[in-house]
């Protein structure tokens, strides 16, 4: 695909725009201690990019139906927003510069597995919500990433075909979702580095959002 054929850029939020994944690692660890469950980094990585319902299913797969999903994730949420209140959840590097550069050249949208109310709160607090009037969130879809639904619907919001769009993602679940929907994928790694499985799925792999300027 030549660059001129890309008309829309669809961003994931957590770990791409907002430095929330590192905070989630902390909150999950704290909740795991509270509830005395061995929630490993492997399990956490399996959940990255999925919505609430799919995350619940992953946890029950590992710990059985007795796992207190509602209570556990209520606790992680309490810890998350406490950290946000005390310190704030910062932007990833070069976010505003990247969005300012792209906004005049491409149609922009968001495809985040996070709930709409949390997405809007974080985007507003970090003063980037105006770049994303078109948002598809985790509680707006039936199936979360790696299912293609969220990217299919994000493309529909833009009025563009999937092959006319590129997705900016950091997690394997998000990358698989975008590829399954027919988008080109730009990976900007955060907590999970590119693997032999993921590398062939990506159109570009960038060290930071600043590099997007070199090919978009």
N, C-alpha and C. Protein backbone atom coordinates (compact mmCIF):
# COMPACT_ATOMS: atom_id res chain seq x y z
N UNK A 1 0.84 -1.20 0.00
CA UNK A 1 0.00 0.00 0.00
C UNK A 1 0.88 1.25 0.00
N UNK A 2 0.64 2.15 -0.91
CA UNK A 2 1.33 3.42 -0.92
C UNK A 2 0.69 4.34 0.11
N UNK A 3 1.49 5.25 0.63
CA UNK A 3 1.00 6.13 1.68
C UNK A 3 -0.24 6.91 1.25
N UNK A 4 -0.30 7.29 -0.02
CA UNK A 4 -1.41 8.11 -0.49
C UNK A 4 -2.73 7.34 -0.45
N UNK A 5 -2.66 6.02 -0.35
CA UNK A 5 -3.88 5.22 -0.29
C UNK A 5 -4.46 5.16 1.12
N UNK A 6 -3.68 5.57 2.11
CA UNK A 6 -4.18 5.61 3.49
C UNK A 6 -4.90 6.94 3.71
N UNK A 7 -6.15 6.84 4.09
CA UNK A 7 -6.95 8.05 4.31
C UNK A 7 -7.32 8.25 5.78
N UNK A 8 -7.29 7.14 6.56
CA UNK A 8 -7.67 7.23 7.96
C UNK A 8 -6.66 6.54 8.86
N UNK A 9 -6.47 7.09 10.05
CA UNK A 9 -5.61 6.49 11.07
C UNK A 9 -6.47 6.25 12.30
N UNK A 10 -6.49 5.01 12.76
CA UNK A 10 -7.30 4.64 13.93
C UNK A 10 -6.35 4.23 15.06
N UNK A 11 -6.47 4.92 16.17
CA UNK A 11 -5.57 4.71 17.30
C UNK A 11 -6.22 3.86 18.38
N UNK A 12 -5.44 2.94 18.93
CA UNK A 12 -5.74 2.37 20.24
C UNK A 12 -5.41 3.45 21.27
N UNK A 13 -5.91 3.30 22.50
CA UNK A 13 -5.64 4.32 23.51
C UNK A 13 -4.60 3.87 24.54
N UNK A 14 -4.88 2.79 25.24
CA UNK A 14 -4.03 2.36 26.35
C UNK A 14 -2.69 1.85 25.85
N UNK A 15 -1.62 2.49 26.29
CA UNK A 15 -0.29 2.08 25.86
C UNK A 15 0.15 2.69 24.55
N UNK A 16 -0.76 3.38 23.87
CA UNK A 16 -0.43 4.06 22.62
C UNK A 16 -0.52 5.58 22.80
N UNK A 17 -1.66 6.04 23.30
CA UNK A 17 -1.86 7.46 23.56
C UNK A 17 -1.67 7.80 25.04
N UNK A 18 -2.21 6.95 25.90
CA UNK A 18 -2.17 7.17 27.35
C UNK A 18 -1.25 6.13 27.99
N UNK A 19 -0.41 6.55 28.90
CA UNK A 19 0.52 5.63 29.57
C UNK A 19 -0.20 4.92 30.72
N UNK A 20 -1.26 4.21 30.35
CA UNK A 20 -2.12 3.56 31.34
C UNK A 20 -1.75 2.10 31.59
N UNK A 21 -1.05 1.46 30.65
CA UNK A 21 -0.72 0.06 30.83
C UNK A 21 0.22 -0.14 32.02
N UNK A 22 1.18 0.75 32.18
CA UNK A 22 2.09 0.62 33.32
C UNK A 22 1.35 0.80 34.64
N UNK A 23 0.34 1.66 34.63
CA UNK A 23 -0.47 1.86 35.84
C UNK A 23 -1.33 0.62 36.10
N UNK A 24 -1.87 0.04 35.04
CA UNK A 24 -2.68 -1.17 35.19
C UNK A 24 -1.85 -2.32 35.76
N UNK A 25 -0.59 -2.41 35.37
CA UNK A 25 0.28 -3.43 35.94
C UNK A 25 0.34 -3.30 37.46
N UNK A 26 0.44 -2.05 37.93
CA UNK A 26 0.50 -1.79 39.37
C UNK A 26 -0.82 -2.16 40.04
N UNK A 27 -1.94 -1.73 39.44
CA UNK A 27 -3.24 -1.96 40.07
C UNK A 27 -3.61 -3.44 40.12
N UNK A 28 -3.26 -4.17 39.06
CA UNK A 28 -3.52 -5.62 39.05
C UNK A 28 -2.69 -6.32 40.12
N UNK A 29 -1.44 -5.90 40.27
CA UNK A 29 -0.57 -6.51 41.26
C UNK A 29 -1.11 -6.26 42.68
N UNK A 30 -1.57 -5.04 42.92
CA UNK A 30 -2.13 -4.72 44.23
C UNK A 30 -3.39 -5.52 44.51
N UNK A 31 -4.28 -5.61 43.52
CA UNK A 31 -5.52 -6.36 43.70
C UNK A 31 -5.24 -7.85 43.87
N UNK A 32 -4.27 -8.37 43.13
CA UNK A 32 -3.92 -9.79 43.25
C UNK A 32 -3.47 -10.12 44.66
N UNK A 33 -2.72 -9.21 45.28
CA UNK A 33 -2.30 -9.41 46.67
C UNK A 33 -3.50 -9.33 47.61
N UNK A 34 -4.40 -8.39 47.35
CA UNK A 34 -5.58 -8.24 48.20
C UNK A 34 -6.43 -9.51 48.20
N UNK A 35 -6.56 -10.11 47.01
CA UNK A 35 -7.44 -11.28 46.87
C UNK A 35 -6.67 -12.61 46.93
N UNK A 36 -5.35 -12.51 47.02
CA UNK A 36 -4.50 -13.69 47.15
C UNK A 36 -4.64 -14.64 45.96
N UNK A 37 -4.55 -14.05 44.76
CA UNK A 37 -4.54 -14.85 43.53
C UNK A 37 -3.23 -14.60 42.80
N UNK A 38 -2.60 -15.65 42.26
CA UNK A 38 -1.32 -15.50 41.55
C UNK A 38 -1.51 -15.00 40.12
N UNK A 39 -1.85 -13.75 39.97
CA UNK A 39 -2.08 -13.17 38.64
C UNK A 39 -0.72 -12.80 38.05
N UNK A 40 -0.26 -13.60 37.10
CA UNK A 40 1.06 -13.42 36.52
C UNK A 40 1.03 -12.37 35.41
N UNK A 41 2.23 -11.96 34.98
CA UNK A 41 2.35 -11.03 33.86
C UNK A 41 1.83 -11.67 32.58
N UNK A 42 1.99 -12.98 32.45
CA UNK A 42 1.48 -13.68 31.26
C UNK A 42 -0.04 -13.57 31.17
N UNK A 43 -0.71 -13.70 32.30
CA UNK A 43 -2.17 -13.58 32.31
C UNK A 43 -2.58 -12.14 32.02
N UNK A 44 -1.87 -11.20 32.61
CA UNK A 44 -2.17 -9.79 32.37
C UNK A 44 -2.00 -9.46 30.89
N UNK A 45 -0.92 -9.96 30.29
CA UNK A 45 -0.68 -9.70 28.86
C UNK A 45 -1.77 -10.31 28.00
N UNK A 46 -2.29 -11.46 28.41
CA UNK A 46 -3.37 -12.10 27.66
C UNK A 46 -4.63 -11.22 27.65
N UNK A 47 -4.79 -10.44 28.70
CA UNK A 47 -5.97 -9.59 28.82
C UNK A 47 -5.81 -8.23 28.15
N UNK A 48 -4.58 -7.84 27.82
CA UNK A 48 -4.38 -6.51 27.24
C UNK A 48 -5.14 -6.37 25.94
N UNK A 49 -5.88 -5.27 25.83
CA UNK A 49 -6.62 -4.99 24.61
C UNK A 49 -8.01 -5.59 24.56
N UNK A 50 -8.40 -6.35 25.60
CA UNK A 50 -9.74 -6.95 25.60
C UNK A 50 -10.70 -6.11 26.44
N UNK A 51 -11.99 -6.25 26.17
CA UNK A 51 -12.96 -5.51 26.96
C UNK A 51 -13.29 -6.25 28.24
N UNK A 52 -14.19 -5.66 29.02
CA UNK A 52 -14.51 -6.17 30.35
C UNK A 52 -14.98 -7.62 30.32
N UNK A 53 -15.92 -7.93 29.45
CA UNK A 53 -16.49 -9.26 29.44
C UNK A 53 -15.48 -10.33 29.04
N UNK A 54 -14.67 -10.03 28.05
CA UNK A 54 -13.66 -11.01 27.62
C UNK A 54 -12.56 -11.16 28.67
N UNK A 55 -12.24 -10.08 29.35
CA UNK A 55 -11.27 -10.16 30.45
C UNK A 55 -11.79 -11.07 31.55
N UNK A 56 -13.08 -10.94 31.86
CA UNK A 56 -13.69 -11.80 32.87
C UNK A 56 -13.53 -13.27 32.48
N UNK A 57 -13.76 -13.57 31.22
CA UNK A 57 -13.68 -14.96 30.76
C UNK A 57 -12.25 -15.50 30.85
N UNK A 58 -11.28 -14.65 30.54
CA UNK A 58 -9.88 -15.06 30.64
C UNK A 58 -9.52 -15.39 32.09
N UNK A 59 -9.96 -14.54 33.02
CA UNK A 59 -9.65 -14.77 34.43
C UNK A 59 -10.31 -16.05 34.95
N UNK A 60 -11.54 -16.30 34.53
CA UNK A 60 -12.23 -17.52 34.96
C UNK A 60 -11.60 -18.76 34.32
N UNK A 61 -11.06 -18.60 33.13
CA UNK A 61 -10.36 -19.71 32.49
C UNK A 61 -9.15 -20.14 33.32
N UNK A 62 -8.46 -19.16 33.87
CA UNK A 62 -7.25 -19.46 34.64
C UNK A 62 -7.54 -19.84 36.09
N UNK A 63 -8.58 -19.25 36.67
CA UNK A 63 -8.79 -19.42 38.11
C UNK A 63 -10.12 -20.07 38.48
N UNK A 64 -10.92 -20.39 37.47
CA UNK A 64 -12.18 -21.07 37.75
C UNK A 64 -13.34 -20.10 37.96
N UNK A 65 -14.55 -20.66 37.98
CA UNK A 65 -15.75 -19.84 38.10
C UNK A 65 -15.86 -19.13 39.44
N UNK A 66 -15.09 -19.59 40.41
CA UNK A 66 -15.17 -18.96 41.74
C UNK A 66 -14.36 -17.67 41.82
N UNK A 67 -13.58 -17.35 40.75
CA UNK A 67 -12.80 -16.12 40.78
C UNK A 67 -13.72 -14.92 40.92
N UNK A 68 -13.46 -14.03 41.89
CA UNK A 68 -14.36 -12.89 42.17
C UNK A 68 -14.15 -11.75 41.18
N UNK A 69 -14.59 -11.94 39.95
CA UNK A 69 -14.28 -10.97 38.89
C UNK A 69 -14.78 -9.57 39.20
N UNK A 70 -16.02 -9.43 39.59
CA UNK A 70 -16.58 -8.10 39.85
C UNK A 70 -15.80 -7.39 40.94
N UNK A 71 -15.55 -8.09 42.03
CA UNK A 71 -14.84 -7.48 43.16
C UNK A 71 -13.39 -7.17 42.80
N UNK A 72 -12.76 -8.09 42.08
CA UNK A 72 -11.36 -7.90 41.70
C UNK A 72 -11.20 -6.66 40.83
N UNK A 73 -12.03 -6.53 39.81
CA UNK A 73 -11.85 -5.41 38.89
C UNK A 73 -12.41 -4.10 39.45
N UNK A 74 -13.31 -4.20 40.40
CA UNK A 74 -13.72 -2.99 41.12
C UNK A 74 -12.52 -2.46 41.90
N UNK A 75 -11.76 -3.37 42.50
CA UNK A 75 -10.59 -2.96 43.27
C UNK A 75 -9.50 -2.39 42.36
N UNK A 76 -9.25 -3.03 41.19
CA UNK A 76 -8.24 -2.48 40.27
C UNK A 76 -8.64 -1.09 39.80
N UNK A 77 -9.95 -0.89 39.57
CA UNK A 77 -10.44 0.42 39.14
C UNK A 77 -10.25 1.46 40.24
N UNK A 78 -10.52 1.08 41.48
CA UNK A 78 -10.33 2.00 42.60
C UNK A 78 -8.87 2.43 42.71
N UNK A 79 -7.97 1.47 42.58
CA UNK A 79 -6.55 1.80 42.62
C UNK A 79 -6.15 2.70 41.45
N UNK A 80 -6.68 2.40 40.24
CA UNK A 80 -6.33 3.16 39.04
C UNK A 80 -6.73 4.62 39.20
N UNK A 81 -7.97 4.86 39.59
CA UNK A 81 -8.44 6.25 39.66
C UNK A 81 -7.86 6.99 40.86
N UNK A 82 -7.44 6.25 41.88
CA UNK A 82 -6.73 6.87 43.00
C UNK A 82 -5.37 7.39 42.52
N UNK A 83 -4.67 6.58 41.73
CA UNK A 83 -3.39 7.02 41.17
C UNK A 83 -3.61 8.20 40.23
N UNK A 84 -4.68 8.13 39.42
CA UNK A 84 -4.99 9.24 38.51
C UNK A 84 -5.24 10.52 39.28
N UNK A 85 -5.98 10.41 40.38
CA UNK A 85 -6.30 11.58 41.18
C UNK A 85 -5.05 12.17 41.83
N UNK A 86 -4.16 11.29 42.29
CA UNK A 86 -2.98 11.75 43.02
C UNK A 86 -1.86 12.22 42.10
N UNK A 87 -1.67 11.51 40.99
CA UNK A 87 -0.52 11.80 40.13
C UNK A 87 -0.89 12.12 38.69
N UNK A 88 -2.08 11.65 38.25
CA UNK A 88 -2.46 11.77 36.85
C UNK A 88 -1.92 10.60 36.05
N UNK A 89 -2.59 10.27 34.95
CA UNK A 89 -2.14 9.23 34.03
C UNK A 89 -1.62 9.96 32.80
N UNK A 90 -0.32 9.99 32.59
CA UNK A 90 0.26 10.86 31.55
C UNK A 90 0.09 10.31 30.14
N UNK A 91 0.35 11.18 29.19
CA UNK A 91 0.39 10.78 27.79
C UNK A 91 1.68 10.01 27.50
N UNK A 92 1.61 9.17 26.49
CA UNK A 92 2.82 8.54 25.97
C UNK A 92 3.65 9.62 25.26
N UNK A 93 4.94 9.36 25.03
CA UNK A 93 5.78 10.37 24.38
C UNK A 93 5.29 10.74 22.97
N UNK A 94 5.38 12.02 22.66
CA UNK A 94 5.14 12.59 21.33
C UNK A 94 3.68 12.51 20.87
N UNK A 95 2.74 12.28 21.78
CA UNK A 95 1.34 12.12 21.38
C UNK A 95 0.80 13.39 20.72
N UNK A 96 0.93 14.52 21.39
CA UNK A 96 0.33 15.74 20.85
C UNK A 96 0.99 16.18 19.54
N UNK A 97 2.30 16.01 19.47
CA UNK A 97 3.00 16.36 18.23
C UNK A 97 2.53 15.47 17.08
N UNK A 98 2.37 14.19 17.36
CA UNK A 98 1.93 13.24 16.34
C UNK A 98 0.51 13.55 15.88
N UNK A 99 -0.39 13.78 16.82
CA UNK A 99 -1.78 14.04 16.47
C UNK A 99 -1.93 15.36 15.71
N UNK A 100 -1.16 16.35 16.10
CA UNK A 100 -1.20 17.63 15.41
C UNK A 100 -0.74 17.48 13.96
N UNK A 101 0.28 16.68 13.77
CA UNK A 101 0.80 16.43 12.43
C UNK A 101 -0.20 15.66 11.57
N UNK A 102 -0.82 14.63 12.13
CA UNK A 102 -1.71 13.76 11.35
C UNK A 102 -3.08 14.38 11.10
N UNK A 103 -3.54 15.23 12.03
CA UNK A 103 -4.93 15.68 11.98
C UNK A 103 -5.27 16.47 10.73
N UNK A 104 -4.31 17.11 10.14
CA UNK A 104 -4.59 17.86 8.93
C UNK A 104 -4.46 17.03 7.66
N UNK A 105 -3.95 15.82 7.81
CA UNK A 105 -3.68 14.98 6.64
C UNK A 105 -4.57 13.75 6.54
N UNK A 106 -5.08 13.27 7.67
CA UNK A 106 -5.86 12.03 7.69
C UNK A 106 -7.10 12.19 8.57
N UNK A 107 -8.08 11.34 8.30
CA UNK A 107 -9.22 11.22 9.21
C UNK A 107 -8.76 10.40 10.41
N UNK A 108 -9.08 10.85 11.62
CA UNK A 108 -8.65 10.15 12.83
C UNK A 108 -9.84 9.57 13.59
N UNK A 109 -9.61 8.41 14.19
CA UNK A 109 -10.63 7.78 15.04
C UNK A 109 -9.92 7.01 16.14
N UNK A 110 -10.70 6.60 17.13
CA UNK A 110 -10.18 5.82 18.25
C UNK A 110 -10.88 4.47 18.29
N UNK A 111 -10.12 3.42 18.60
CA UNK A 111 -10.70 2.09 18.80
C UNK A 111 -10.09 1.51 20.07
N UNK A 112 -10.76 1.73 21.19
CA UNK A 112 -10.23 1.32 22.48
C UNK A 112 -11.14 0.30 23.15
N UNK A 113 -10.55 -0.72 23.74
CA UNK A 113 -11.34 -1.73 24.46
C UNK A 113 -11.82 -1.23 25.82
N UNK A 114 -11.34 -0.07 26.23
CA UNK A 114 -11.77 0.52 27.50
C UNK A 114 -13.18 1.08 27.38
N UNK A 115 -13.89 1.11 28.51
CA UNK A 115 -15.26 1.62 28.52
C UNK A 115 -15.30 3.10 28.11
N UNK A 116 -16.41 3.49 27.49
CA UNK A 116 -16.54 4.85 26.96
C UNK A 116 -16.32 5.92 28.02
N UNK A 117 -16.90 5.74 29.20
CA UNK A 117 -16.80 6.78 30.23
C UNK A 117 -15.35 6.98 30.66
N UNK A 118 -14.58 5.90 30.73
CA UNK A 118 -13.17 6.00 31.11
C UNK A 118 -12.34 6.60 29.97
N UNK A 119 -12.65 6.20 28.74
CA UNK A 119 -11.96 6.76 27.58
C UNK A 119 -12.12 8.27 27.55
N UNK A 120 -13.34 8.73 27.67
CA UNK A 120 -13.62 10.16 27.57
C UNK A 120 -12.99 10.94 28.73
N UNK A 121 -12.97 10.32 29.90
CA UNK A 121 -12.34 10.97 31.06
C UNK A 121 -10.85 11.15 30.85
N UNK A 122 -10.17 10.10 30.38
CA UNK A 122 -8.72 10.16 30.19
C UNK A 122 -8.34 11.08 29.03
N UNK A 123 -9.09 11.01 27.93
CA UNK A 123 -8.79 11.87 26.79
C UNK A 123 -9.02 13.34 27.12
N UNK A 124 -10.08 13.60 27.87
CA UNK A 124 -10.41 14.98 28.25
C UNK A 124 -9.35 15.54 29.19
N UNK A 125 -8.99 14.75 30.19
CA UNK A 125 -8.02 15.21 31.18
C UNK A 125 -6.67 15.51 30.54
N UNK A 126 -6.32 14.74 29.50
CA UNK A 126 -5.05 14.94 28.81
C UNK A 126 -5.17 15.87 27.60
N UNK A 127 -6.34 16.45 27.41
CA UNK A 127 -6.58 17.49 26.40
C UNK A 127 -6.33 17.02 24.98
N UNK A 128 -6.76 15.77 24.68
CA UNK A 128 -6.64 15.28 23.30
C UNK A 128 -7.97 14.76 22.76
N UNK A 129 -9.05 14.94 23.51
CA UNK A 129 -10.32 14.38 23.07
C UNK A 129 -10.82 15.03 21.78
N UNK A 130 -10.44 16.29 21.54
CA UNK A 130 -10.91 16.98 20.34
C UNK A 130 -10.33 16.38 19.06
N UNK A 131 -9.25 15.64 19.17
CA UNK A 131 -8.70 14.95 17.99
C UNK A 131 -9.54 13.73 17.61
N UNK A 132 -10.39 13.29 18.54
CA UNK A 132 -11.13 12.04 18.33
C UNK A 132 -12.64 12.20 18.54
N UNK A 133 -13.29 12.97 17.68
CA UNK A 133 -14.76 13.04 17.78
C UNK A 133 -15.41 11.70 17.42
N UNK A 134 -14.68 10.84 16.73
CA UNK A 134 -15.20 9.52 16.35
C UNK A 134 -14.47 8.46 17.16
N UNK A 135 -15.23 7.86 18.09
CA UNK A 135 -14.64 6.92 19.04
C UNK A 135 -15.46 5.64 19.10
N UNK A 136 -14.78 4.52 19.07
CA UNK A 136 -15.41 3.22 19.26
C UNK A 136 -14.77 2.60 20.50
N UNK A 137 -15.60 2.32 21.51
CA UNK A 137 -15.09 1.88 22.81
C UNK A 137 -15.54 0.46 23.13
N UNK A 138 -14.94 -0.12 24.16
CA UNK A 138 -15.15 -1.52 24.48
C UNK A 138 -16.58 -1.89 24.80
N UNK A 139 -17.33 -0.96 25.39
CA UNK A 139 -18.72 -1.25 25.73
C UNK A 139 -19.69 -0.90 24.59
N UNK A 140 -19.13 -0.61 23.41
CA UNK A 140 -19.96 -0.35 22.24
C UNK A 140 -19.97 -1.53 21.28
N UNK A 141 -19.20 -2.57 21.61
CA UNK A 141 -19.10 -3.73 20.72
C UNK A 141 -19.44 -5.00 21.49
N UNK A 142 -19.83 -6.02 20.74
CA UNK A 142 -20.13 -7.32 21.33
C UNK A 142 -18.87 -8.11 21.60
N UNK A 143 -17.94 -8.05 20.64
CA UNK A 143 -16.70 -8.82 20.74
C UNK A 143 -15.52 -7.86 20.82
N UNK A 144 -14.62 -8.12 21.76
CA UNK A 144 -13.45 -7.25 21.90
C UNK A 144 -12.28 -7.79 21.09
N UNK A 145 -11.22 -7.01 21.01
CA UNK A 145 -10.00 -7.45 20.38
C UNK A 145 -9.56 -8.77 21.02
N UNK A 146 -9.10 -9.76 20.27
CA UNK A 146 -8.61 -9.74 18.88
C UNK A 146 -9.69 -9.90 17.80
N UNK A 147 -10.97 -9.94 18.17
CA UNK A 147 -12.03 -9.97 17.16
C UNK A 147 -11.98 -8.66 16.36
N UNK A 148 -12.30 -8.69 15.07
CA UNK A 148 -12.17 -7.48 14.23
C UNK A 148 -13.30 -6.46 14.40
N UNK A 149 -14.33 -6.76 15.18
CA UNK A 149 -15.52 -5.90 15.21
C UNK A 149 -15.21 -4.44 15.50
N UNK A 150 -14.37 -4.16 16.49
CA UNK A 150 -14.16 -2.77 16.90
C UNK A 150 -13.50 -1.96 15.79
N UNK A 151 -12.60 -2.58 15.02
CA UNK A 151 -11.97 -1.87 13.91
C UNK A 151 -12.90 -1.77 12.70
N UNK A 152 -13.71 -2.76 12.50
CA UNK A 152 -14.71 -2.68 11.43
C UNK A 152 -15.65 -1.50 11.67
N UNK A 153 -16.08 -1.36 12.90
CA UNK A 153 -17.02 -0.28 13.23
C UNK A 153 -16.32 1.08 13.24
N UNK A 154 -15.06 1.11 13.63
CA UNK A 154 -14.32 2.38 13.58
C UNK A 154 -14.16 2.87 12.15
N UNK A 155 -13.90 1.94 11.25
CA UNK A 155 -13.82 2.31 9.82
C UNK A 155 -15.15 2.85 9.32
N UNK A 156 -16.23 2.22 9.77
CA UNK A 156 -17.56 2.68 9.39
C UNK A 156 -17.82 4.10 9.89
N UNK A 157 -17.35 4.40 11.11
CA UNK A 157 -17.50 5.75 11.65
C UNK A 157 -16.81 6.78 10.75
N UNK A 158 -15.66 6.38 10.21
CA UNK A 158 -14.91 7.29 9.33
C UNK A 158 -15.47 7.32 7.92
N UNK A 159 -16.33 6.36 7.58
CA UNK A 159 -16.84 6.26 6.23
C UNK A 159 -15.78 5.79 5.25
N UNK A 160 -14.84 4.99 5.75
CA UNK A 160 -13.74 4.50 4.92
C UNK A 160 -13.71 2.97 4.90
N UNK A 161 -13.11 2.43 3.85
CA UNK A 161 -12.90 0.99 3.78
C UNK A 161 -11.70 0.63 4.66
N UNK A 162 -11.68 -0.58 5.23
CA UNK A 162 -10.53 -0.99 6.06
C UNK A 162 -9.19 -0.84 5.35
N UNK A 163 -9.17 -1.15 4.06
CA UNK A 163 -7.90 -1.06 3.33
C UNK A 163 -7.45 0.39 3.12
N UNK A 164 -8.30 1.34 3.45
CA UNK A 164 -7.93 2.75 3.37
C UNK A 164 -7.44 3.29 4.71
N UNK A 165 -7.35 2.41 5.72
CA UNK A 165 -7.01 2.84 7.08
C UNK A 165 -5.79 2.10 7.63
N UNK A 166 -5.10 2.76 8.52
CA UNK A 166 -4.02 2.15 9.28
C UNK A 166 -4.37 2.23 10.76
N UNK A 167 -4.02 1.18 11.49
CA UNK A 167 -4.25 1.14 12.93
C UNK A 167 -2.92 1.32 13.65
N UNK A 168 -2.95 2.07 14.75
CA UNK A 168 -1.77 2.25 15.59
C UNK A 168 -2.01 1.48 16.88
N UNK A 169 -1.24 0.44 17.11
CA UNK A 169 -1.48 -0.49 18.20
C UNK A 169 -0.19 -0.84 18.94
N UNK A 170 -0.37 -1.35 20.16
CA UNK A 170 0.79 -1.78 20.94
C UNK A 170 0.71 -3.23 21.39
N UNK A 171 -0.48 -3.86 21.34
CA UNK A 171 -0.63 -5.20 21.90
C UNK A 171 -0.97 -6.23 20.82
N UNK A 172 -0.61 -7.48 21.04
CA UNK A 172 -0.96 -8.53 20.08
C UNK A 172 -2.46 -8.63 19.83
N UNK A 173 -3.29 -8.51 20.86
CA UNK A 173 -4.73 -8.59 20.65
C UNK A 173 -5.22 -7.49 19.73
N UNK A 174 -4.70 -6.27 19.91
CA UNK A 174 -5.09 -5.16 19.06
C UNK A 174 -4.61 -5.32 17.64
N UNK A 175 -3.39 -5.79 17.50
CA UNK A 175 -2.81 -6.00 16.16
C UNK A 175 -3.61 -7.06 15.40
N UNK A 176 -3.93 -8.16 16.07
CA UNK A 176 -4.70 -9.22 15.42
C UNK A 176 -6.09 -8.73 15.04
N UNK A 177 -6.68 -7.89 15.87
CA UNK A 177 -8.00 -7.32 15.58
C UNK A 177 -7.97 -6.48 14.31
N UNK A 178 -6.99 -5.59 14.23
CA UNK A 178 -6.89 -4.69 13.08
C UNK A 178 -6.59 -5.45 11.80
N UNK A 179 -5.68 -6.41 11.87
CA UNK A 179 -5.34 -7.21 10.69
C UNK A 179 -6.55 -8.01 10.22
N UNK A 180 -7.28 -8.59 11.15
CA UNK A 180 -8.47 -9.37 10.80
C UNK A 180 -9.53 -8.50 10.14
N UNK A 181 -9.55 -7.21 10.51
CA UNK A 181 -10.51 -6.29 9.92
C UNK A 181 -10.06 -5.78 8.55
N UNK A 182 -8.79 -6.00 8.21
CA UNK A 182 -8.29 -5.59 6.91
C UNK A 182 -7.47 -4.32 6.89
N UNK A 183 -7.02 -3.84 8.06
CA UNK A 183 -6.23 -2.62 8.14
C UNK A 183 -4.74 -2.94 8.11
N UNK A 184 -3.97 -1.97 7.67
CA UNK A 184 -2.53 -2.01 7.86
C UNK A 184 -2.26 -1.65 9.33
N UNK A 185 -1.23 -2.25 9.92
CA UNK A 185 -0.96 -2.02 11.33
C UNK A 185 0.41 -1.41 11.55
N UNK A 186 0.41 -0.34 12.33
CA UNK A 186 1.64 0.26 12.83
C UNK A 186 1.75 -0.12 14.30
N UNK A 187 2.76 -0.89 14.65
CA UNK A 187 2.97 -1.24 16.05
C UNK A 187 3.94 -0.27 16.69
N UNK A 188 3.52 0.29 17.83
CA UNK A 188 4.40 1.09 18.67
C UNK A 188 4.47 0.36 20.00
N UNK A 189 5.46 -0.51 20.20
CA UNK A 189 5.47 -1.39 21.37
C UNK A 189 5.50 -0.63 22.69
N UNK A 190 4.79 -1.18 23.67
CA UNK A 190 4.79 -0.62 25.02
C UNK A 190 5.23 -1.72 25.98
N UNK A 191 4.29 -2.42 26.60
CA UNK A 191 4.63 -3.45 27.58
C UNK A 191 5.03 -4.78 26.93
N UNK A 192 4.55 -5.02 25.72
CA UNK A 192 4.84 -6.27 25.02
C UNK A 192 5.66 -5.96 23.77
N UNK A 193 6.80 -6.58 23.66
CA UNK A 193 7.67 -6.35 22.52
C UNK A 193 7.25 -7.24 21.33
N UNK A 194 7.64 -6.87 20.11
CA UNK A 194 7.26 -7.66 18.92
C UNK A 194 7.80 -9.08 19.01
N UNK A 195 6.97 -10.04 18.65
CA UNK A 195 7.37 -11.44 18.66
C UNK A 195 7.40 -11.97 17.23
N UNK A 196 7.90 -13.18 17.07
CA UNK A 196 7.94 -13.80 15.74
C UNK A 196 6.55 -13.97 15.16
N UNK A 197 5.54 -14.12 16.03
CA UNK A 197 4.16 -14.23 15.57
C UNK A 197 3.62 -12.89 15.09
N UNK A 198 3.99 -11.83 15.79
CA UNK A 198 3.39 -10.51 15.56
C UNK A 198 4.10 -9.72 14.45
N UNK A 199 5.41 -9.84 14.35
CA UNK A 199 6.17 -9.03 13.38
C UNK A 199 5.62 -9.13 11.95
N UNK A 200 5.30 -10.33 11.45
CA UNK A 200 4.80 -10.41 10.06
C UNK A 200 3.43 -9.76 9.87
N UNK A 201 2.70 -9.53 10.95
CA UNK A 201 1.38 -8.92 10.83
C UNK A 201 1.45 -7.40 10.70
N UNK A 202 2.60 -6.84 11.01
CA UNK A 202 2.72 -5.38 11.06
C UNK A 202 3.22 -4.80 9.74
N UNK A 203 2.63 -3.69 9.37
CA UNK A 203 3.11 -2.93 8.21
C UNK A 203 4.38 -2.16 8.60
N UNK A 204 4.35 -1.53 9.78
CA UNK A 204 5.50 -0.82 10.31
C UNK A 204 5.61 -1.11 11.81
N UNK A 205 6.82 -1.09 12.32
CA UNK A 205 7.06 -1.16 13.76
C UNK A 205 7.91 0.05 14.11
N UNK A 206 7.39 0.91 14.99
CA UNK A 206 8.06 2.17 15.31
C UNK A 206 8.46 2.20 16.78
N UNK A 207 9.56 2.86 17.05
CA UNK A 207 10.02 2.99 18.43
C UNK A 207 9.16 3.96 19.22
N UNK A 208 8.56 4.92 18.54
CA UNK A 208 7.70 5.90 19.20
C UNK A 208 6.76 6.51 18.17
N UNK A 209 5.80 7.27 18.66
CA UNK A 209 4.87 7.94 17.76
C UNK A 209 5.56 8.99 16.89
N UNK A 210 6.70 9.45 17.33
CA UNK A 210 7.42 10.46 16.54
C UNK A 210 7.82 9.92 15.17
N UNK A 211 8.05 8.63 15.07
CA UNK A 211 8.50 8.03 13.80
C UNK A 211 7.40 7.98 12.75
N UNK A 212 6.13 8.14 13.17
CA UNK A 212 5.05 8.07 12.19
C UNK A 212 5.18 9.15 11.12
N UNK A 213 5.80 10.26 11.49
CA UNK A 213 5.98 11.35 10.53
C UNK A 213 6.84 10.95 9.34
N UNK A 214 7.67 9.94 9.51
CA UNK A 214 8.61 9.58 8.46
C UNK A 214 7.95 8.80 7.32
N UNK A 215 6.76 8.25 7.56
CA UNK A 215 6.12 7.47 6.50
C UNK A 215 4.63 7.76 6.34
N UNK A 216 4.09 8.71 7.07
CA UNK A 216 2.70 9.09 6.90
C UNK A 216 2.59 10.58 6.54
